[in-house]
Amino acid sequence: MPRKRTQVVLSQDVPKLGNSGDLVEVAPGYARNYLYPRSMAYRVTPGVLKQVEFRREKERQRLETIKQEAEAIKTALNTIGLFTVKKAVGEDEAIFGTVTAAEVAEVIKENAGKEVDRREITLPDINKLGEYKVDIKLHSDVTATINLRVAPD
């Protein structure tokens, strides 16, 4: 005989169960003795189900908007194509120091007018003048690759 389960909507984040607004199935005793008294969940009714669906749709639209903004930034970066960072140069075209993600983010902001989080920039080892490919993660599904030229200062 299968155990009976109760559907509830979480009113706050519950570790190992779900986030606020999630529709989850739990044991009736867990809901009755733990979730309801602590105001962590409430019973499912047709009105509550409509609210849950409405919230999910709003969240999906918000995430889609963020992804579209990332695609727009990727298009802008690809349109420019080549970004240049100037560094002091020593013998054999070796640069002093290294090119940092913060410098790349600053060059992108100056040339493209777009804010890019420096923590999302993946740089190859750059220790000489030349052109390099740099990956920038703009969104979980959107990654842009730009050409970076290291030129003498």
Protein backbone atom coordinates (compact mmCIF):
# COMPACT_ATOMS: atom_id res chain seq x y z
CA MET A 1 0.00 0.00 0.00
CA PRO A 2 1.58 3.34 -1.07
CA ARG A 3 2.06 6.03 1.50
CA LYS A 4 -0.20 9.05 1.33
CA ARG A 5 1.46 12.33 0.38
CA THR A 6 0.21 15.88 0.78
CA GLN A 7 0.92 18.76 -1.58
CA VAL A 8 1.94 22.04 0.04
CA VAL A 9 3.31 25.35 -1.20
CA LEU A 10 6.39 26.56 0.66
CA SER A 11 6.16 30.08 2.03
CA GLN A 12 9.92 30.23 2.67
CA ASP A 13 13.06 28.35 1.69
CA VAL A 14 13.31 24.96 3.43
CA PRO A 15 16.69 23.20 3.24
CA LYS A 16 16.62 19.91 1.29
CA LEU A 17 12.96 20.45 0.37
CA GLY A 18 12.60 23.51 -1.83
CA ASN A 19 12.47 27.27 -2.22
CA SER A 20 9.75 29.75 -1.42
CA GLY A 21 6.80 29.35 -3.77
CA ASP A 22 7.63 25.74 -4.73
CA LEU A 23 4.88 23.14 -4.87
CA VAL A 24 6.17 20.01 -3.08
CA GLU A 25 4.81 16.72 -1.83
CA VAL A 26 5.48 15.78 1.78
CA ALA A 27 4.17 13.33 4.33
CA PRO A 28 0.97 14.58 5.98
CA GLY A 29 2.51 14.41 9.45
CA TYR A 30 5.53 16.47 8.37
CA ALA A 31 3.23 19.14 6.99
CA ARG A 32 0.86 19.09 9.97
CA ASN A 33 3.49 18.90 12.73
CA TYR A 34 6.41 20.86 11.31
CA LEU A 35 5.68 23.01 8.26
CA TYR A 36 2.27 24.46 9.14
CA PRO A 37 3.03 25.43 12.79
CA ARG A 38 6.23 27.23 11.71
CA SER A 39 4.42 29.01 8.82
CA MET A 40 6.85 27.43 6.37
CA ALA A 41 4.07 26.15 4.07
CA TYR A 42 0.37 26.38 3.39
CA ARG A 43 -2.25 24.07 1.96
CA VAL A 44 -2.82 23.82 -1.76
CA THR A 45 -6.09 25.20 -3.08
CA PRO A 46 -7.10 26.04 -6.67
CA GLY A 47 -6.43 29.73 -6.00
CA VAL A 48 -3.00 28.97 -4.58
CA LEU A 49 -2.18 26.83 -7.63
CA LYS A 50 -3.04 29.77 -9.89
CA GLN A 51 -0.75 32.01 -7.85
CA VAL A 52 2.08 29.46 -8.07
CA GLU A 53 1.70 29.21 -11.86
CA PHE A 54 1.58 33.01 -12.16
CA ARG A 55 4.80 33.36 -10.11
CA ARG A 56 6.54 30.67 -12.17
CA GLU A 57 5.60 32.43 -15.40
CA LYS A 58 6.84 35.78 -14.06
CA GLU A 59 10.14 34.18 -13.00
CA ARG A 60 10.50 32.47 -16.40
CA GLN A 61 9.94 35.81 -18.15
CA ARG A 62 12.48 37.53 -15.90
CA LEU A 63 15.11 34.86 -16.62
CA GLU A 64 14.37 35.08 -20.36
CA THR A 65 14.87 38.87 -20.23
CA ILE A 66 18.24 38.40 -18.51
CA LYS A 67 19.28 35.90 -21.17
CA GLN A 68 18.23 38.29 -23.96
CA GLU A 69 20.31 41.06 -22.37
CA ALA A 70 23.31 38.71 -22.31
CA GLU A 71 22.75 37.89 -26.00
CA ALA A 72 22.66 41.62 -26.77
CA ILE A 73 25.98 42.15 -24.97
CA LYS A 74 27.48 39.20 -26.87
CA THR A 75 26.34 40.73 -30.18
CA ALA A 76 27.84 44.11 -29.20
CA LEU A 77 31.17 42.50 -28.28
CA ASN A 78 31.26 40.50 -31.54
CA THR A 79 30.50 43.66 -33.53
CA ILE A 80 33.54 45.42 -32.13
CA GLY A 81 35.64 42.31 -32.64
CA LEU A 82 39.05 43.42 -31.37
CA PHE A 83 39.94 44.99 -28.03
CA THR A 84 43.40 46.36 -27.26
CA VAL A 85 45.24 46.41 -23.92
CA LYS A 86 48.48 48.40 -23.69
CA LYS A 87 51.31 47.05 -21.52
CA ALA A 88 54.93 47.99 -20.87
CA VAL A 89 57.25 45.76 -22.92
CA GLY A 90 60.72 44.34 -22.23
CA GLU A 91 63.00 42.07 -24.26
CA ASP A 92 61.59 39.62 -26.85
CA GLU A 93 58.18 41.31 -26.72
CA ALA A 94 57.65 40.08 -23.15
CA ILE A 95 55.29 42.25 -21.15
CA PHE A 96 55.88 43.42 -17.61
CA GLY A 97 53.30 41.88 -15.30
CA THR A 98 50.27 40.17 -16.75
CA VAL A 99 46.97 41.12 -18.29
CA THR A 100 44.28 40.87 -15.62
CA ALA A 101 40.57 40.26 -15.95
CA ALA A 102 39.94 43.69 -14.42
CA GLU A 103 41.94 45.33 -17.23
CA VAL A 104 39.97 43.41 -19.85
CA ALA A 105 36.67 44.41 -18.20
CA GLU A 106 37.82 48.05 -18.19
CA VAL A 107 38.76 47.94 -21.89
CA ILE A 108 35.37 46.41 -22.74
CA LYS A 109 33.60 49.13 -20.74
CA GLU A 110 35.58 51.89 -22.50
CA ASN A 111 35.12 50.52 -26.03
CA ALA A 112 31.71 48.84 -25.93
CA GLY A 113 30.07 50.71 -23.07
CA LYS A 114 29.00 47.38 -21.54
CA GLU A 115 29.58 46.27 -17.97
CA VAL A 116 31.16 42.80 -17.74
CA ASP A 117 31.87 41.08 -14.43
CA ARG A 118 35.63 40.49 -14.23
CA ARG A 119 35.05 37.19 -12.39
CA GLU A 120 33.34 35.78 -15.49
CA ILE A 121 36.35 36.47 -17.76
CA THR A 122 38.60 33.49 -18.56
CA LEU A 123 42.05 34.59 -19.69
CA PRO A 124 44.77 32.43 -21.25
CA ASP A 125 48.34 32.90 -19.97
CA ILE A 126 49.36 36.20 -21.51
CA ASN A 127 53.03 37.08 -21.17
CA LYS A 128 53.92 38.39 -24.65
CA LEU A 129 52.56 40.86 -27.16
CA GLY A 130 50.06 39.47 -29.64
CA GLU A 131 46.43 38.50 -30.08
CA TYR A 132 44.59 36.17 -27.74
CA LYS A 133 41.09 34.69 -27.49
CA VAL A 134 39.26 35.56 -24.27
CA ASP A 135 36.06 33.85 -23.11
CA ILE A 136 33.46 35.83 -21.19
CA LYS A 137 30.56 34.04 -19.50
CA LEU A 138 27.63 36.44 -19.74
CA HIS A 139 24.91 33.98 -18.69
CA SER A 140 24.72 30.29 -17.88
CA ASP A 141 23.78 29.66 -21.55
CA VAL A 142 25.65 32.55 -23.22
CA THR A 143 29.43 32.75 -23.62
CA ALA A 144 31.14 35.37 -25.78
CA THR A 145 34.63 35.03 -27.22
CA ILE A 146 36.51 38.22 -27.99
CA ASN A 147 39.87 38.90 -29.59
CA LEU A 148 42.28 40.71 -27.29
CA ARG A 149 45.39 42.40 -28.67
CA VAL A 150 48.23 43.14 -26.25
CA ALA A 151 50.11 46.13 -27.65
CA PRO A 152 53.17 48.04 -26.41
CA ASP A 153 52.47 51.04 -24.22
